[in-house]
Amino acid sequence: VVKAQIHAGGRGKGSVTETGSHGVVIAKGLDQVKEKAAGI
């Protein structure tokens, strides 16, 4: 689980303006972690 660290709730439903990624996302394997983190 890749989780944005900010002082605000609602991260799972929130959206990153630049990428469209949610603030909490699942990486289904080691090969996805880097990409998911880069989106946040």
PDB file of all heavy atoms in Angstrom:
ATOM      1  N   VAL A   1       0.856  -1.178   0.000  1.00  0.00           N
ATOM      2  CA  VAL A   1       0.000   0.000   0.000  1.00  0.00           C
ATOM      3  C   VAL A   1       0.897   1.233   0.000  1.00  0.00           C
ATOM      4  O   VAL A   1       1.760   1.376   0.871  1.00  0.00           O
ATOM      5  CB  VAL A   1      -0.943   0.029   1.215  1.00  0.00           C
ATOM      6  CG1 VAL A   1      -1.955   1.168   1.069  1.00  0.00           C
ATOM      7  CG2 VAL A   1      -1.658  -1.309   1.381  1.00  0.00           C
ATOM      8  N   VAL A   2       0.702   2.108  -0.977  1.00  0.00           N
ATOM      9  CA  VAL A   2       1.477   3.342  -1.085  1.00  0.00           C
ATOM     10  C   VAL A   2       0.580   4.485  -0.609  1.00  0.00           C
ATOM     11  O   VAL A   2      -0.443   4.776  -1.223  1.00  0.00           O
ATOM     12  CB  VAL A   2       1.956   3.583  -2.528  1.00  0.00           C
ATOM     13  CG1 VAL A   2       2.828   4.832  -2.602  1.00  0.00           C
ATOM     14  CG2 VAL A   2       2.709   2.361  -3.051  1.00  0.00           C
ATOM     15  N   LYS A   3       0.982   5.149   0.486  1.00  0.00           N
ATOM     16  CA  LYS A   3       0.114   6.110   1.148  1.00  0.00           C
ATOM     17  C   LYS A   3       0.799   7.469   1.257  1.00  0.00           C
ATOM     18  O   LYS A   3       1.873   7.591   1.854  1.00  0.00           O
ATOM     19  CB  LYS A   3      -0.273   5.605   2.545  1.00  0.00           C
ATOM     20  CG  LYS A   3      -0.790   4.169   2.562  1.00  0.00           C
ATOM     21  CD  LYS A   3      -1.060   3.670   3.956  1.00  0.00           C
ATOM     22  CE  LYS A   3      -2.376   4.193   4.477  1.00  0.00           C
ATOM     23  NZ  LYS A   3      -2.732   3.582   5.787  1.00  0.00           N
ATOM     24  N   ALA A   4       0.178   8.497   0.684  1.00  0.00           N
ATOM     25  CA  ALA A   4       0.692   9.861   0.797  1.00  0.00           C
ATOM     26  C   ALA A   4       0.696  10.292   2.255  1.00  0.00           C
ATOM     27  O   ALA A   4      -0.252  10.034   2.994  1.00  0.00           O
ATOM     28  CB  ALA A   4      -0.164  10.819  -0.033  1.00  0.00           C
ATOM     29  N   GLN A   5       1.770  10.986   2.669  1.00  0.00           N
ATOM     30  CA  GLN A   5       1.892  11.473   4.042  1.00  0.00           C
ATOM     31  C   GLN A   5       1.708  12.987   4.069  1.00  0.00           C
ATOM     32  O   GLN A   5       2.640  13.757   3.822  1.00  0.00           O
ATOM     33  CB  GLN A   5       3.235  11.061   4.634  1.00  0.00           C
ATOM     34  CG  GLN A   5       3.447   9.563   4.744  1.00  0.00           C
ATOM     35  CD  GLN A   5       2.464   8.897   5.651  1.00  0.00           C
ATOM     36  OE1 GLN A   5       2.559   8.973   6.884  1.00  0.00           O
ATOM     37  NE2 GLN A   5       1.460   8.235   5.068  1.00  0.00           N
ATOM     38  N   ILE A   6       0.495  13.408   4.360  1.00  0.00           N
ATOM     39  CA  ILE A   6       0.167  14.809   4.551  1.00  0.00           C
ATOM     40  C   ILE A   6      -0.727  14.919   5.776  1.00  0.00           C
ATOM     41  O   ILE A   6      -1.317  13.936   6.224  1.00  0.00           O
ATOM     42  CB  ILE A   6      -0.546  15.441   3.322  1.00  0.00           C
ATOM     43  CG1 ILE A   6      -1.880  14.729   3.054  1.00  0.00           C
ATOM     44  CG2 ILE A   6       0.357  15.431   2.102  1.00  0.00           C
ATOM     45  CD1 ILE A   6      -2.744  15.427   2.018  1.00  0.00           C
ATOM     46  N   HIS A   7      -0.831  16.141   6.326  1.00  0.00           N
ATOM     47  CA  HIS A   7      -1.703  16.368   7.479  1.00  0.00           C
ATOM     48  C   HIS A   7      -3.114  16.687   7.005  1.00  0.00           C
ATOM     49  O   HIS A   7      -3.613  17.804   7.124  1.00  0.00           O
ATOM     50  CB  HIS A   7      -1.169  17.528   8.337  1.00  0.00           C
ATOM     51  CG  HIS A   7       0.094  17.207   9.070  1.00  0.00           C
ATOM     52  ND1 HIS A   7       0.754  18.130   9.861  1.00  0.00           N
ATOM     53  CD2 HIS A   7       0.824  16.082   9.135  1.00  0.00           C
ATOM     54  CE1 HIS A   7       1.838  17.575  10.376  1.00  0.00           C
ATOM     55  NE2 HIS A   7       1.905  16.330   9.956  1.00  0.00           N
ATOM     56  N   ALA A   8      -3.784  15.691   6.476  1.00  0.00           N
ATOM     57  CA  ALA A   8      -5.170  15.847   6.036  1.00  0.00           C
ATOM     58  C   ALA A   8      -5.765  14.465   5.843  1.00  0.00           C
ATOM     59  O   ALA A   8      -5.081  13.524   5.439  1.00  0.00           O
ATOM     60  CB  ALA A   8      -5.270  16.655   4.736  1.00  0.00           C
ATOM     61  N   GLY A   9      -7.059  14.336   6.132  1.00  0.00           N
ATOM     62  CA  GLY A   9      -7.754  13.081   5.922  1.00  0.00           C
ATOM     63  C   GLY A   9      -8.348  12.990   4.526  1.00  0.00           C
ATOM     64  O   GLY A   9      -8.234  13.909   3.710  1.00  0.00           O
ATOM     65  N   GLY A  10      -8.971  11.868   4.250  1.00  0.00           N
ATOM     66  CA  GLY A  10      -9.589  11.664   2.947  1.00  0.00           C
ATOM     67  C   GLY A  10      -8.607  11.390   1.827  1.00  0.00           C
ATOM     68  O   GLY A  10      -8.911  11.622   0.645  1.00  0.00           O
ATOM     69  N   ARG A  11      -7.415  10.875   2.168  1.00  0.00           N
ATOM     70  CA  ARG A  11      -6.379  10.667   1.159  1.00  0.00           C
ATOM     71  C   ARG A  11      -6.776   9.613   0.132  1.00  0.00           C
ATOM     72  O   ARG A  11      -6.421   9.719  -1.042  1.00  0.00           O
ATOM     73  CB  ARG A  11      -5.056  10.271   1.832  1.00  0.00           C
ATOM     74  CG  ARG A  11      -4.452  11.360   2.700  1.00  0.00           C
ATOM     75  CD  ARG A  11      -3.294  10.806   3.530  1.00  0.00           C
ATOM     76  NE  ARG A  11      -3.765   9.808   4.485  1.00  0.00           N
ATOM     77  CZ  ARG A  11      -2.969   8.955   5.130  1.00  0.00           C
ATOM     78  NH1 ARG A  11      -1.672   8.983   4.925  1.00  0.00           N
ATOM     79  NH2 ARG A  11      -3.489   8.078   5.996  1.00  0.00           N
ATOM     80  N   GLY A  12      -7.486   8.592   0.582  1.00  0.00           N
ATOM     81  CA  GLY A  12      -7.877   7.527  -0.334  1.00  0.00           C
ATOM     82  C   GLY A  12      -8.809   7.996  -1.428  1.00  0.00           C
ATOM     83  O   GLY A  12      -8.742   7.519  -2.564  1.00  0.00           O
ATOM     84  N   LYS A  13      -9.687   8.936  -1.100  1.00  0.00           N
ATOM     85  CA  LYS A  13     -10.602   9.493  -2.090  1.00  0.00           C
ATOM     86  C   LYS A  13     -10.005  10.703  -2.806  1.00  0.00           C
ATOM     87  O   LYS A  13     -10.531  11.128  -3.837  1.00  0.00           O
ATOM     88  CB  LYS A  13     -11.918   9.896  -1.431  1.00  0.00           C
ATOM     89  CG  LYS A  13     -12.795   8.726  -0.980  1.00  0.00           C
ATOM     90  CD  LYS A  13     -14.112   9.253  -0.420  1.00  0.00           C
ATOM     91  CE  LYS A  13     -15.054   8.098  -0.062  1.00  0.00           C
ATOM     92  NZ  LYS A  13     -16.354   8.606   0.471  1.00  0.00           N
ATOM     93  N   GLY A  14      -8.942  11.261  -2.239  1.00  0.00           N
ATOM     94  CA  GLY A  14      -8.328  12.440  -2.823  1.00  0.00           C
ATOM     95  C   GLY A  14      -7.624  12.129  -4.123  1.00  0.00           C
ATOM     96  O   GLY A  14      -7.402  10.975  -4.500  1.00  0.00           O
ATOM     97  N   SER A  15      -7.225  13.199  -4.821  1.00  0.00           N
ATOM     98  CA  SER A  15      -6.600  13.041  -6.129  1.00  0.00           C
ATOM     99  C   SER A  15      -5.393  13.969  -6.240  1.00  0.00           C
ATOM    100  O   SER A  15      -5.437  15.127  -5.812  1.00  0.00           O
ATOM    101  CB  SER A  15      -7.613  13.365  -7.228  1.00  0.00           C
ATOM    102  OG  SER A  15      -7.054  13.267  -8.506  1.00  0.00           O
ATOM    103  N   VAL A  16      -4.319  13.448  -6.830  1.00  0.00           N
ATOM    104  CA  VAL A  16      -3.118  14.240  -7.093  1.00  0.00           C
ATOM    105  C   VAL A  16      -3.349  15.047  -8.370  1.00  0.00           C
ATOM    106  O   VAL A  16      -3.606  14.473  -9.433  1.00  0.00           O
ATOM    107  CB  VAL A  16      -1.879  13.345  -7.229  1.00  0.00           C
ATOM    108  CG1 VAL A  16      -0.648  14.186  -7.566  1.00  0.00           C
ATOM    109  CG2 VAL A  16      -1.650  12.559  -5.939  1.00  0.00           C
ATOM    110  N   THR A  17      -3.253  16.350  -8.267  1.00  0.00           N
ATOM    111  CA  THR A  17      -3.580  17.241  -9.387  1.00  0.00           C
ATOM    112  C   THR A  17      -2.759  16.919 -10.628  1.00  0.00           C
ATOM    113  O   THR A  17      -3.278  16.880 -11.746  1.00  0.00           O
ATOM    114  CB  THR A  17      -3.338  18.707  -8.980  1.00  0.00           C
ATOM    115  OG1 THR A  17      -4.108  19.020  -7.821  1.00  0.00           O
ATOM    116  CG2 THR A  17      -3.715  19.654 -10.110  1.00  0.00           C
ATOM    117  N   GLU A  18      -1.472  16.689 -10.459  1.00  0.00           N
ATOM    118  CA  GLU A  18      -0.577  16.519 -11.598  1.00  0.00           C
ATOM    119  C   GLU A  18      -0.737  15.182 -12.320  1.00  0.00           C
ATOM    120  O   GLU A  18      -0.471  15.087 -13.523  1.00  0.00           O
ATOM    121  CB  GLU A  18       0.879  16.670 -11.148  1.00  0.00           C
ATOM    122  CG  GLU A  18       1.267  18.073 -10.704  1.00  0.00           C
ATOM    123  CD  GLU A  18       0.870  18.378  -9.267  1.00  0.00           C
ATOM    124  OE1 GLU A  18       0.203  17.536  -8.605  1.00  0.00           O
ATOM    125  OE2 GLU A  18       1.232  19.460  -8.780  1.00  0.00           O
ATOM    126  N   THR A  19      -1.142  14.127 -11.602  1.00  0.00           N
ATOM    127  CA  THR A  19      -1.148  12.790 -12.197  1.00  0.00           C
ATOM    128  C   THR A  19      -2.507  12.109 -12.202  1.00  0.00           C
ATOM    129  O   THR A  19      -2.720  11.132 -12.930  1.00  0.00           O
ATOM    130  CB  THR A  19      -0.164  11.872 -11.454  1.00  0.00           C
ATOM    131  OG1 THR A  19      -0.618  11.695 -10.090  1.00  0.00           O
ATOM    132  CG2 THR A  19       1.234  12.461 -11.457  1.00  0.00           C
ATOM    133  N   GLY A  20      -3.436  12.585 -11.365  1.00  0.00           N
ATOM    134  CA  GLY A  20      -4.729  11.931 -11.246  1.00  0.00           C
ATOM    135  C   GLY A  20      -4.734  10.748 -10.301  1.00  0.00           C
ATOM    136  O   GLY A  20      -5.782  10.121 -10.089  1.00  0.00           O
ATOM    137  N   SER A  21      -3.592  10.408  -9.720  1.00  0.00           N
ATOM    138  CA  SER A  21      -3.508   9.291  -8.788  1.00  0.00           C
ATOM    139  C   SER A  21      -4.242   9.613  -7.497  1.00  0.00           C
ATOM    140  O   SER A  21      -4.290  10.762  -7.053  1.00  0.00           O
ATOM    141  CB  SER A  21      -2.040   8.971  -8.478  1.00  0.00           C
ATOM    142  OG  SER A  21      -1.922   8.031  -7.412  1.00  0.00           O
ATOM    143  N   HIS A  22      -4.830   8.595  -6.869  1.00  0.00           N
ATOM    144  CA  HIS A  22      -5.362   8.765  -5.528  1.00  0.00           C
ATOM    145  C   HIS A  22      -4.209   8.845  -4.536  1.00  0.00           C
ATOM    146  O   HIS A  22      -3.074   8.481  -4.851  1.00  0.00           O
ATOM    147  CB  HIS A  22      -6.300   7.615  -5.163  1.00  0.00           C
ATOM    148  CG  HIS A  22      -7.586   7.627  -5.925  1.00  0.00           C
ATOM    149  ND1 HIS A  22      -8.485   8.665  -5.867  1.00  0.00           N
ATOM    150  CD2 HIS A  22      -8.136   6.703  -6.773  1.00  0.00           C
ATOM    151  CE1 HIS A  22      -9.522   8.399  -6.629  1.00  0.00           C
ATOM    152  NE2 HIS A  22      -9.333   7.227  -7.215  1.00  0.00           N
ATOM    153  N   GLY A  23      -4.508   9.324  -3.330  1.00  0.00           N
ATOM    154  CA  GLY A  23      -3.469   9.463  -2.319  1.00  0.00           C
ATOM    155  C   GLY A  23      -3.097   8.165  -1.633  1.00  0.00           C
ATOM    156  O   GLY A  23      -2.058   8.083  -0.971  1.00  0.00           O
ATOM    157  N   VAL A  24      -3.920   7.144  -1.786  1.00  0.00           N
ATOM    158  CA  VAL A  24      -3.633   5.805  -1.278  1.00  0.00           C
ATOM    159  C   VAL A  24      -3.902   4.821  -2.407  1.00  0.00           C
ATOM    160  O   VAL A  24      -5.032   4.746  -2.911  1.00  0.00           O
ATOM    161  CB  VAL A  24      -4.486   5.459  -0.046  1.00  0.00           C
ATOM    162  CG1 VAL A  24      -4.178   4.039   0.438  1.00  0.00           C
ATOM    163  CG2 VAL A  24      -4.275   6.462   1.084  1.00  0.00           C
ATOM    164  N   VAL A  25      -2.876   4.070  -2.826  1.00  0.00           N
ATOM    165  CA  VAL A  25      -3.007   3.143  -3.952  1.00  0.00           C
ATOM    166  C   VAL A  25      -2.346   1.815  -3.604  1.00  0.00           C
ATOM    167  O   VAL A  25      -1.504   1.728  -2.701  1.00  0.00           O
ATOM    168  CB  VAL A  25      -2.380   3.724  -5.240  1.00  0.00           C
ATOM    169  CG1 VAL A  25      -3.143   4.952  -5.706  1.00  0.00           C
ATOM    170  CG2 VAL A  25      -0.907   4.060  -5.022  1.00  0.00           C
ATOM    171  N   ILE A  26      -2.713   0.783  -4.340  1.00  0.00           N
ATOM    172  CA  ILE A  26      -2.181  -0.566  -4.144  1.00  0.00           C
ATOM    173  C   ILE A  26      -1.172  -0.875  -5.243  1.00  0.00           C
ATOM    174  O   ILE A  26      -1.446  -0.654  -6.438  1.00  0.00           O
ATOM    175  CB  ILE A  26      -3.296  -1.622  -4.164  1.00  0.00           C
ATOM    176  CG1 ILE A  26      -4.335  -1.341  -3.065  1.00  0.00           C
ATOM    177  CG2 ILE A  26      -2.720  -3.025  -4.008  1.00  0.00           C
ATOM    178  CD1 ILE A  26      -3.806  -1.518  -1.670  1.00  0.00           C
ATOM    179  N   ALA A  27      -0.030  -1.396  -4.833  1.00  0.00           N
ATOM    180  CA  ALA A  27       0.954  -1.920  -5.781  1.00  0.00           C
ATOM    181  C   ALA A  27       0.925  -3.439  -5.688  1.00  0.00           C
ATOM    182  O   ALA A  27       1.283  -4.011  -4.659  1.00  0.00           O
ATOM    183  CB  ALA A  27       2.345  -1.390  -5.466  1.00  0.00           C
ATOM    184  N   LYS A  28       0.497  -4.100  -6.767  1.00  0.00           N
ATOM    185  CA  LYS A  28       0.320  -5.547  -6.751  1.00  0.00           C
ATOM    186  C   LYS A  28       1.609  -6.255  -7.153  1.00  0.00           C
ATOM    187  O   LYS A  28       1.658  -7.052  -8.070  1.00  0.00           O
ATOM    188  CB  LYS A  28      -0.836  -5.952  -7.665  1.00  0.00           C
ATOM    189  CG  LYS A  28      -2.174  -5.353  -7.255  1.00  0.00           C
ATOM    190  CD  LYS A  28      -3.292  -5.759  -8.196  1.00  0.00           C
ATOM    191  CE  LYS A  28      -4.620  -5.154  -7.775  1.00  0.00           C
ATOM    192  NZ  LYS A  28      -5.732  -5.548  -8.703  1.00  0.00           N
ATOM    193  N   GLY A  29       2.678  -5.901  -6.454  1.00  0.00           N
ATOM    194  CA  GLY A  29       3.973  -6.496  -6.715  1.00  0.00           C
ATOM    195  C   GLY A  29       5.068  -5.457  -6.625  1.00  0.00           C
ATOM    196  O   GLY A  29       4.834  -4.250  -6.748  1.00  0.00           O
ATOM    197  N   LEU A  30       6.309  -5.930  -6.430  1.00  0.00           N
ATOM    198  CA  LEU A  30       7.446  -5.024  -6.308  1.00  0.00           C
ATOM    199  C   LEU A  30       7.647  -4.180  -7.558  1.00  0.00           C
ATOM    200  O   LEU A  30       8.103  -3.034  -7.487  1.00  0.00           O
ATOM    201  CB  LEU A  30       8.714  -5.821  -6.020  1.00  0.00           C
ATOM    202  CG  LEU A  30       8.890  -6.353  -4.585  1.00  0.00           C
ATOM    203  CD1 LEU A  30      10.045  -7.332  -4.514  1.00  0.00           C
ATOM    204  CD2 LEU A  30       9.107  -5.193  -3.619  1.00  0.00           C
ATOM    205  N   ASP A  31       7.315  -4.743  -8.720  1.00  0.00           N
ATOM    206  CA  ASP A  31       7.543  -4.047  -9.977  1.00  0.00           C
ATOM    207  C   ASP A  31       6.643  -2.827 -10.152  1.00  0.00           C
ATOM    208  O   ASP A  31       6.914  -1.980 -11.013  1.00  0.00           O
ATOM    209  CB  ASP A  31       7.352  -5.003 -11.156  1.00  0.00           C
ATOM    210  CG  ASP A  31       5.968  -5.632 -11.175  1.00  0.00           C
ATOM    211  OD1 ASP A  31       5.427  -5.922 -10.087  1.00  0.00           O
ATOM    212  OD2 ASP A  31       5.408  -5.839 -12.268  1.00  0.00           O
ATOM    213  N   GLN A  32       5.570  -2.706  -9.344  1.00  0.00           N
ATOM    214  CA  GLN A  32       4.647  -1.572  -9.462  1.00  0.00           C
ATOM    215  C   GLN A  32       4.912  -0.449  -8.460  1.00  0.00           C
ATOM    216  O   GLN A  32       4.378   0.658  -8.610  1.00  0.00           O
ATOM    217  CB  GLN A  32       3.203  -2.054  -9.305  1.00  0.00           C
ATOM    218  CG  GLN A  32       2.714  -3.002 -10.381  1.00  0.00           C
ATOM    219  CD  GLN A  32       1.226  -3.332 -10.214  1.00  0.00           C
ATOM    220  OE1 GLN A  32       0.512  -2.711  -9.407  1.00  0.00           O
ATOM    221  NE2 GLN A  32       0.766  -4.331 -10.944  1.00  0.00           N
ATOM    222  N   VAL A  33       5.728  -0.732  -7.449  1.00  0.00           N
ATOM    223  CA  VAL A  33       5.876   0.216  -6.343  1.00  0.00           C
ATOM    224  C   VAL A  33       6.455   1.545  -6.807  1.00  0.00           C
ATOM    225  O   VAL A  33       5.961   2.624  -6.471  1.00  0.00           O
ATOM    226  CB  VAL A  33       6.746  -0.390  -5.225  1.00  0.00           C
ATOM    227  CG1 VAL A  33       7.059   0.666  -4.161  1.00  0.00           C
ATOM    228  CG2 VAL A  33       6.050  -1.584  -4.591  1.00  0.00           C
ATOM    229  N   LYS A  34       7.513   1.484  -7.601  1.00  0.00           N
ATOM    230  CA  LYS A  34       8.189   2.698  -8.041  1.00  0.00           C
ATOM    231  C   LYS A  34       7.252   3.598  -8.840  1.00  0.00           C
ATOM    232  O   LYS A  34       7.174   4.812  -8.619  1.00  0.00           O
ATOM    233  CB  LYS A  34       9.415   2.323  -8.872  1.00  0.00           C
ATOM    234  CG  LYS A  34      10.334   3.480  -9.186  1.00  0.00           C
ATOM    235  CD  LYS A  34      11.601   2.983  -9.878  1.00  0.00           C
ATOM    236  CE  LYS A  34      12.531   4.124 -10.217  1.00  0.00           C
ATOM    237  NZ  LYS A  34      13.777   3.636 -10.879  1.00  0.00           N
ATOM    238  N   GLU A  35       6.478   3.002  -9.753  1.00  0.00           N
ATOM    239  CA  GLU A  35       5.543   3.764 -10.581  1.00  0.00           C
ATOM    240  C   GLU A  35       4.435   4.384  -9.736  1.00  0.00           C
ATOM    241  O   GLU A  35       4.070   5.547  -9.932  1.00  0.00           O
ATOM    242  CB  GLU A  35       4.942   2.858 -11.653  1.00  0.00           C
ATOM    243  CG  GLU A  35       3.902   3.544 -12.535  1.00  0.00           C
ATOM    244  CD  GLU A  35       3.173   2.571 -13.443  1.00  0.00           C
ATOM    245  OE1 GLU A  35       3.526   1.363 -13.449  1.00  0.00           O
ATOM    246  OE2 GLU A  35       2.229   3.009 -14.155  1.00  0.00           O
ATOM    247  N   LYS A  36       3.887   3.600  -8.803  1.00  0.00           N
ATOM    248  CA  LYS A  36       2.803   4.096  -7.957  1.00  0.00           C
ATOM    249  C   LYS A  36       3.282   5.260  -7.073  1.00  0.00           C
ATOM    250  O   LYS A  36       2.577   6.251  -6.907  1.00  0.00           O
ATOM    251  CB  LYS A  36       2.259   2.974  -7.075  1.00  0.00           C
ATOM    252  CG  LYS A  36       1.621   1.814  -7.844  1.00  0.00           C
ATOM    253  CD  LYS A  36       0.311   2.223  -8.479  1.00  0.00           C
ATOM    254  CE  LYS A  36      -0.382   0.995  -9.105  1.00  0.00           C
ATOM    255  NZ  LYS A  36      -1.680   1.349  -9.746  1.00  0.00           N
ATOM    256  N   ALA A  37       4.483   5.121  -6.531  1.00  0.00           N
ATOM    257  CA  ALA A  37       5.032   6.179  -5.696  1.00  0.00           C
ATOM    258  C   ALA A  37       5.292   7.441  -6.504  1.00  0.00           C
ATOM    259  O   ALA A  37       5.054   8.563  -6.035  1.00  0.00           O
ATOM    260  CB  ALA A  37       6.319   5.704  -5.014  1.00  0.00           C
ATOM    261  N   ALA A  38       5.781   7.282  -7.736  1.00  0.00           N
ATOM    262  CA  ALA A  38       6.063   8.425  -8.602  1.00  0.00           C
ATOM    263  C   ALA A  38       4.789   9.200  -8.935  1.00  0.00           C
ATOM    264  O   ALA A  38       4.845  10.414  -9.174  1.00  0.00           O
ATOM    265  CB  ALA A  38       6.740   7.953  -9.893  1.00  0.00           C
ATOM    266  N   GLY A  39       3.663   8.517  -8.958  1.00  0.00           N
ATOM    267  CA  GLY A  39       2.380   9.174  -9.244  1.00  0.00           C
ATOM    268  C   GLY A  39       1.872  10.034  -8.099  1.00  0.00           C
ATOM    269  O   GLY A  39       0.916  10.805  -8.272  1.00  0.00           O
ATOM    270  N   ILE A  40       2.488   9.893  -6.933  1.00  0.00           N
ATOM    271  CA  ILE A  40       2.062  10.642  -5.744  1.00  0.00           C
ATOM    272  C   ILE A  40       3.108  11.666  -5.303  1.00  0.00           C
ATOM    273  O   ILE A  40       2.784  12.826  -5.046  1.00  0.00           O
ATOM    274  CB  ILE A  40       1.760   9.672  -4.584  1.00  0.00           C
ATOM    275  CG1 ILE A  40       0.613   8.721  -4.952  1.00  0.00           C
ATOM    276  CG2 ILE A  40       1.420  10.450  -3.316  1.00  0.00           C
ATOM    277  CD1 ILE A  40       0.341   7.644  -3.911  1.00  0.00           C
TER     278      ILE A  40
END
